[in-house]
PDB file of N, CA and C in Angstrom:
ATOM      1  N   VAL A   1      96.668 166.835 103.530  1.00  0.00           N
ATOM      2  CA  VAL A   1      97.648 166.941 102.614  1.00  0.00           C
ATOM      3  C   VAL A   1      98.238 168.164 102.967  1.00  0.00           C
ATOM      4  N   GLU A   2      99.681 168.338 103.009  1.00  0.00           N
ATOM      5  CA  GLU A   2     100.626 169.416 103.671  1.00  0.00           C
ATOM      6  C   GLU A   2     101.416 169.792 102.479  1.00  0.00           C
ATOM      7  N   TYR A   3     101.984 170.841 102.496  1.00  0.00           N
ATOM      8  CA  TYR A   3     103.027 171.372 101.352  1.00  0.00           C
ATOM      9  C   TYR A   3     103.970 170.572 101.051  1.00  0.00           C
ATOM     10  N   TYR A   4     104.454 169.777 102.170  1.00  0.00           N
ATOM     11  CA  TYR A   4     105.508 168.910 101.983  1.00  0.00           C
ATOM     12  C   TYR A   4     105.486 167.561 101.252  1.00  0.00           C
ATOM     13  N   ASP A   5     103.914 167.594 101.173  1.00  0.00           N
ATOM     14  CA  ASP A   5     103.460 166.250 100.339  1.00  0.00           C
ATOM     15  C   ASP A   5     103.434 166.318  98.802  1.00  0.00           C
ATOM     16  N   LEU A   6     103.689 167.585  98.098  1.00  0.00           N
ATOM     17  CA  LEU A   6     103.592 167.821  97.145  1.00  0.00           C
ATOM     18  C   LEU A   6     104.438 167.014  95.962  1.00  0.00           C
ATOM     19  N   PRO A   7     105.718 167.193  96.218  1.00  0.00           N
ATOM     20  CA  PRO A   7     106.675 166.347  95.471  1.00  0.00           C
ATOM     21  C   PRO A   7     105.735 164.896  95.241  1.00  0.00           C
ATOM     22  N   TRP A   8     105.497 164.444  96.236  1.00  0.00           N
ATOM     23  CA  TRP A   8     105.124 162.681  95.985  1.00  0.00           C
ATOM     24  C   TRP A   8     103.732 162.821  95.274  1.00  0.00           C
ATOM     25  N   ILE A   9     102.911 164.153  95.628  1.00  0.00           N
ATOM     26  CA  ILE A   9     101.603 163.925  94.786  1.00  0.00           C
ATOM     27  C   ILE A   9     101.921 164.203  93.338  1.00  0.00           C
ATOM     28  N   ARG A  10     103.064 165.015  92.964  1.00  0.00           N
ATOM     29  CA  ARG A  10     103.374 165.303  91.461  1.00  0.00           C
ATOM     30  C   ARG A  10     103.822 163.877  91.005  1.00  0.00           C
ATOM     31  N   ARG A  11     104.732 163.257  91.810  1.00  0.00           N
ATOM     32  CA  ARG A  11     105.138 161.955  91.196  1.00  0.00           C
ATOM     33  C   ARG A  11     104.151 160.952  90.865  1.00  0.00           C
ATOM     34  N   ILE A  12     103.335 160.860  91.891  1.00  0.00           N
ATOM     35  CA  ILE A  12     102.022 159.986  91.722  1.00  0.00           C
ATOM     36  C   ILE A  12     101.172 160.122  90.469  1.00  0.00           C
ATOM     37  N   VAL A  13     100.985 161.756  90.415  1.00  0.00           N
ATOM     38  CA  VAL A  13     100.014 162.001  89.304  1.00  0.00           C
ATOM     39  C   VAL A  13     101.032 161.568  87.883  1.00  0.00           C
ATOM     40  N   ARG A  14     102.135 161.953  87.697  1.00  0.00           N
ATOM     41  CA  ARG A  14     102.859 161.674  86.674  1.00  0.00           C
ATOM     42  C   ARG A  14     102.851 159.881  86.315  1.00  0.00           C
ATOM     43  N   GLN A  15     102.932 159.173  87.331  1.00  0.00           N
ATOM     44  CA  GLN A  15     102.957 158.072  87.120  1.00  0.00           C
ATOM     45  C   GLN A  15     101.533 157.398  86.368  1.00  0.00           C
ATOM     46  N   ALA A  16     100.585 157.741  87.200  1.00  0.00           N
ATOM     47  CA  ALA A  16      99.206 157.704  86.657  1.00  0.00           C
ATOM     48  C   ALA A  16      98.953 158.084  85.275  1.00  0.00           C
ATOM     49  N   GLU A  17      99.474 159.414  85.003  1.00  0.00           N
ATOM     50  CA  GLU A  17      99.195 159.738  83.590  1.00  0.00           C
ATOM     51  C   GLU A  17      99.825 158.756  82.559  1.00  0.00           C
ATOM     52  N   ALA A  18     100.956 158.211  82.934  1.00  0.00           N
ATOM     53  CA  ALA A  18     101.602 157.239  81.922  1.00  0.00           C
ATOM     54  C   ALA A  18     100.623 156.005  81.906  1.00  0.00           C
ATOM     55  N   ASP A  19      99.848 155.731  82.907  1.00  0.00           N
ATOM     56  CA  ASP A  19      98.964 154.849  83.030  1.00  0.00           C
ATOM     57  C   ASP A  19      97.456 155.038  82.573  1.00  0.00           C
ATOM     58  N   ASP A  20      97.451 156.208  81.936  1.00  0.00           N
ATOM     59  CA  ASP A  20      95.992 156.710  81.540  1.00  0.00           C
ATOM     60  C   ASP A  20      94.935 156.906  82.442  1.00  0.00           C
ATOM     61  N   TYR A  21      95.701 157.339  83.559  1.00  0.00           N
ATOM     62  CA  TYR A  21      94.697 157.839  84.871  1.00  0.00           C
ATOM     63  C   TYR A  21      93.946 156.832  85.324  1.00  0.00           C
ATOM     64  N   ARG A  22      94.539 155.390  85.461  1.00  0.00           N
ATOM     65  CA  ARG A  22      93.741 154.483  85.977  1.00  0.00           C
ATOM     66  C   ARG A  22      93.789 154.353  87.494  1.00  0.00           C
ATOM     67  N   TRP A  23      92.558 154.214  88.189  1.00  0.00           N
ATOM     68  CA  TRP A  23      92.389 154.150  89.648  1.00  0.00           C
ATOM     69  C   TRP A  23      93.371 153.509  90.198  1.00  0.00           C
ATOM     70  N   SER A  24      93.691 152.171  89.672  1.00  0.00           N
ATOM     71  CA  SER A  24      94.698 151.218  90.200  1.00  0.00           C
ATOM     72  C   SER A  24      96.182 151.933  90.344  1.00  0.00           C
ATOM     73  N   SER A  25      96.403 152.817  89.162  1.00  0.00           N
ATOM     74  CA  SER A  25      97.765 153.314  89.373  1.00  0.00           C
ATOM     75  C   SER A  25      97.800 154.300  90.280  1.00  0.00           C
ATOM     76  N   LEU A  26      96.760 155.135  90.784  1.00  0.00           N
ATOM     77  CA  LEU A  26      96.724 156.069  91.722  1.00  0.00           C
ATOM     78  C   LEU A  26      96.665 155.455  92.938  1.00  0.00           C
ATOM     79  N   ILE A  27      96.254 154.469  93.200  1.00  0.00           N
ATOM     80  CA  ILE A  27      96.129 153.760  94.473  1.00  0.00           C
ATOM     81  C   ILE A  27      97.331 153.298  94.854  1.00  0.00           C
ATOM     82  N   LEU A  28      97.910 152.444  94.008  1.00  0.00           N
ATOM     83  CA  LEU A  28      99.157 151.950  94.048  1.00  0.00           C
ATOM     84  C   LEU A  28     100.239 152.987  94.234  1.00  0.00           C
ATOM     85  N   GLY A  29     100.113 154.010  93.529  1.00  0.00           N
ATOM     86  CA  GLY A  29     101.213 155.216  93.866  1.00  0.00           C
ATOM     87  C   GLY A  29     101.208 155.773  95.445  1.00  0.00           C
ATOM     88  N   ILE A  30      99.929 155.750  95.679  1.00  0.00           N
ATOM     89  CA  ILE A  30      99.538 156.397  97.217  1.00  0.00           C
ATOM     90  C   ILE A  30     100.070 155.457  98.054  1.00  0.00           C
ATOM     91  N   VAL A  31      99.798 153.992  97.918  1.00  0.00           N
ATOM     92  CA  VAL A  31     100.142 153.071  99.003  1.00  0.00           C
ATOM     93  C   VAL A  31     101.712 152.763  98.925  1.00  0.00           C
ATOM     94  N   GLU A  32     102.495 152.995  97.843  1.00  0.00           N
ATOM     95  CA  GLU A  32     103.777 152.723  97.751  1.00  0.00           C
ATOM     96  C   GLU A  32     104.690 153.816  98.170  1.00  0.00           C
ATOM     97  N   SER A  33     104.065 155.116  98.343  1.00  0.00           N
ATOM     98  CA  SER A  33     104.806 156.338  98.627  1.00  0.00           C
ATOM     99  C   SER A  33     105.456 156.268 100.186  1.00  0.00           C
ATOM    100  N   THR A  34     106.464 156.643 100.080  1.00  0.00           N
ATOM    101  CA  THR A  34     107.200 156.800 101.494  1.00  0.00           C
ATOM    102  C   THR A  34     106.100 157.620 102.456  1.00  0.00           C
ATOM    103  N   PRO A  35     105.561 158.790 102.094  1.00  0.00           N
ATOM    104  CA  PRO A  35     104.776 159.387 103.248  1.00  0.00           C
ATOM    105  C   PRO A  35     103.688 158.553 103.735  1.00  0.00           C
ATOM    106  N   PHE A  36     103.163 157.834 102.742  1.00  0.00           N
ATOM    107  CA  PHE A  36     101.884 156.970 103.112  1.00  0.00           C
ATOM    108  C   PHE A  36     102.459 155.777 104.046  1.00  0.00           C
ATOM    109  N   GLN A  37     103.633 155.183 103.681  1.00  0.00           N
ATOM    110  CA  GLN A  37     103.880 154.070 104.583  1.00  0.00           C
ATOM    111  C   GLN A  37     104.911 154.605 105.855  1.00  0.00           C
ATOM    112  N   MET A  38     105.266 155.905 106.166  1.00  0.00           N
ATOM    113  CA  MET A  38     105.841 156.262 107.419  1.00  0.00           C
ATOM    114  C   MET A  38     104.731 157.013 108.049  1.00  0.00           C
ATOM    115  N   ARG A  39     103.573 156.937 107.566  1.00  0.00           N
ATOM    116  CA  ARG A  39     102.763 158.060 108.363  1.00  0.00           C
ATOM    117  C   ARG A  39     102.279 157.056 109.866  1.00  0.00           C
ATOM    118  N   LYS A  40     102.063 157.954 111.038  1.00  0.00           N
ATOM    119  CA  LYS A  40     101.768 157.555 112.380  1.00  0.00           C
ATOM    120  C   LYS A  40     100.240 157.386 112.418  1.00  0.00           C
ATOM    121  N   ALA A  41      99.670 156.727 113.220  1.00  0.00           N
ATOM    122  CA  ALA A  41      98.367 156.819 113.696  1.00  0.00           C
ATOM    123  C   ALA A  41      98.127 158.109 114.529  1.00  0.00           C
ATOM    124  N   ARG A  42      96.947 158.590 114.360  1.00  0.00           N
ATOM    125  CA  ARG A  42      96.836 159.858 115.232  1.00  0.00           C
ATOM    126  C   ARG A  42      96.295 159.405 116.585  1.00  0.00           C
ATOM    127  N   GLU A  43      96.429 159.872 117.601  1.00  0.00           N
ATOM    128  CA  GLU A  43      96.118 159.570 118.961  1.00  0.00           C
ATOM    129  C   GLU A  43      94.899 160.383 119.119  1.00  0.00           C
ATOM    130  N   GLN A  44      93.904 159.647 119.638  1.00  0.00           N
ATOM    131  CA  GLN A  44      92.456 160.347 119.939  1.00  0.00           C
ATOM    132  C   GLN A  44      92.432 160.628 121.487  1.00  0.00           C
TER     133      GLN A  44
END
Protein backbone atom coordinates (compact mmCIF):
# COMPACT_ATOMS: atom_id res chain seq x y z
CA VAL A 1 0.00 0.00 0.00
CA GLU A 2 1.37 3.37 -1.02
CA TYR A 3 0.42 6.91 -0.02
CA TYR A 4 -1.43 7.41 -3.32
CA ASP A 5 -3.72 4.46 -2.46
CA LEU A 6 -5.15 6.26 0.58
CA PRO A 7 -8.07 7.99 -1.19
CA TRP A 8 -9.20 4.61 -2.52
CA ILE A 9 -8.78 2.97 0.86
CA ARG A 10 -10.91 5.66 2.48
CA ARG A 11 -13.58 5.20 -0.18
CA ILE A 12 -13.63 1.42 0.31
CA VAL A 13 -13.86 1.79 4.10
CA ARG A 14 -16.74 4.28 3.82
CA GLN A 15 -18.64 1.92 1.53
CA ALA A 16 -18.00 -1.01 3.87
CA GLU A 17 -19.12 1.07 6.85
CA ALA A 18 -22.45 1.69 5.13
CA ASP A 19 -22.81 -2.10 4.80
CA ASP A 20 -21.89 -2.80 8.45
CA TYR A 21 -18.28 -3.75 7.56
CA ARG A 22 -19.21 -6.99 5.84
CA TRP A 23 -16.26 -8.89 4.38
CA SER A 24 -18.06 -9.06 1.07
CA SER A 25 -18.26 -5.26 0.95
CA LEU A 26 -14.55 -4.90 1.62
CA ILE A 27 -13.59 -7.49 -0.99
CA LEU A 28 -15.95 -6.06 -3.59
CA GLY A 29 -14.64 -2.56 -2.93
CA ILE A 30 -11.08 -3.75 -3.45
CA VAL A 31 -11.64 -5.74 -6.64
CA GLU A 32 -13.77 -2.98 -8.18
CA SER A 33 -11.23 -0.26 -7.41
CA THR A 34 -9.24 1.27 -10.24
CA PRO A 35 -5.85 0.68 -8.56
CA PHE A 36 -6.61 -3.04 -8.20
CA GLN A 37 -7.83 -3.41 -11.76
CA MET A 38 -4.94 -1.41 -13.22
CA ARG A 39 -2.16 -3.14 -11.29
CA LYS A 40 0.59 -4.90 -13.15
CA ALA A 41 2.14 -8.22 -12.29
CA ARG A 42 5.58 -7.99 -10.75
CA GLU A 43 8.45 -9.31 -12.79
CA GLN A 44 10.51 -11.93 -11.06
